[in-house]
């Protein structure tokens, strides 16, 4: 945290926010929790470095702009049809034109500032009618406290409340 406060480079501050070890631990906990329940999970990150780091560290496939179309389609098909694969990491390429009706959990580790459109599109991924009896949807945004992320998250939350959604803010998931 001290390093974050002393850093003047916007890019480095952003990287420190997304690579926060507490955020990683909470992401790992949420993935394990929901995988044990049999949920299908998409973890979004607009920061490609953190997307790749988290996915590789957790041994989970990832998709981003440089992923070939063939690999992208194969990974998405595996998530949809393979009960042994429950989680993928994906960049903002997953915001549009992806239909995975069984995904019921989204975890955001970074997003595009206070983009209401992006928040609505990601939420829409898990609100589609489900084929399985899994009707509950979970949407998590992991935010590093006392950073610019908190301001952006608050703006996105206000938008969701204005649209009729409710949410619960937790400051600690894993101690």
Foldseek 3Di string as FASTA:
>chain_A
DVVLVPDDDPVVNVVCWLVPVQLLVVVVVVVVVVLVVLAAEEEEEQDVVSLVVSCVVNVAAEDEDPDDPVRVVVNLVCCQPPSVHRYYYYYCVVLDDDARARHQEYEYSYDDQQDLSSVVSVVVNNCHDHPDPPNHHYYHYDGDPPGSRVVSVVNNQVVVVVVPDDDDDDPHDDD
